[in-house]
Amino acid sequence: MRIVIAEDDPLLREGVALLLRAESLDVVATTDGPESFLAAVDAHEPDVAIVDVRMPPTHTDEGIKAAVEARNRRPGLAVLVLSAYVEQAFATELLSGGSDRLGYLLKERVGRVEQFLDALHRVAGGGTAIDPDVVTQLLTRTRPDSGLQRLTARERDVLALMAEGLGNTAIAERLFVTEGAVHKHIRNIFAKLDLPPTDRADRRVTAVLRYLDQTQQRG
């Protein structure tokens, strides 16, 4: 796994690089800004990019824009975005083009090494990894008229874990229920959100993006 890191905080940047190299992962470049990050993507053709949301010169959304541009230049690039706190619009913007090979984590998660590495490998493997704290905050901001209001508390728990990128087996283990129960909850979620079976869309992704979109509209 070839990795490029884009983070303007030198301590965090080098700390993440050391952590990943200790895990025998190939960090091919570390950068401190969007332009040098994109140059590194072009030069090294990485499998995964770890990108800070806020980078120079304005420290607003440079990281998100650079991540989107990097995926345009290198289709299939896995991107794990790091943020100091929940930034709802950025999470929605990042996922609006689809959630395959994408992650959004709070920086504090880096210190929880096992969870951070799990998210990295999940994204590199083609999945999604959304920080559970991000999911929790987004779920609490849902509009009163959202279809999510039809979900039971347990169904909302399942949807939150789906948003984190967990599969049915992992969800069952986290909630201490059977996989059969998880399947039933997911069927109910799809029905209540009016998501019929289709070959053209992943209903799990659609369900997650729907509430992300609705919470953004409320903000």
Foldseek 3Di string as FASTA:
>chain_A
DEEEEEAQPVVLQVVLVVLCVVVVYHDPYYHHFLVVRLVCCVVPVGQEYEWEQAGPDVGHGRRLVSVVVSCVVRPNRAYAYEYQDQDLVSVLVNPVVHFWNYEYYYPVVVVVPVSVVVQNVQSSVGWYAYYLVNLVVLVVLADPPALCVPADPVLSLLLSVLNRGDDLVVSCVVVVHDSVVSVVSVVVLCVSNVNDDDPPDDVSSVSNSRSSVRSVVSD
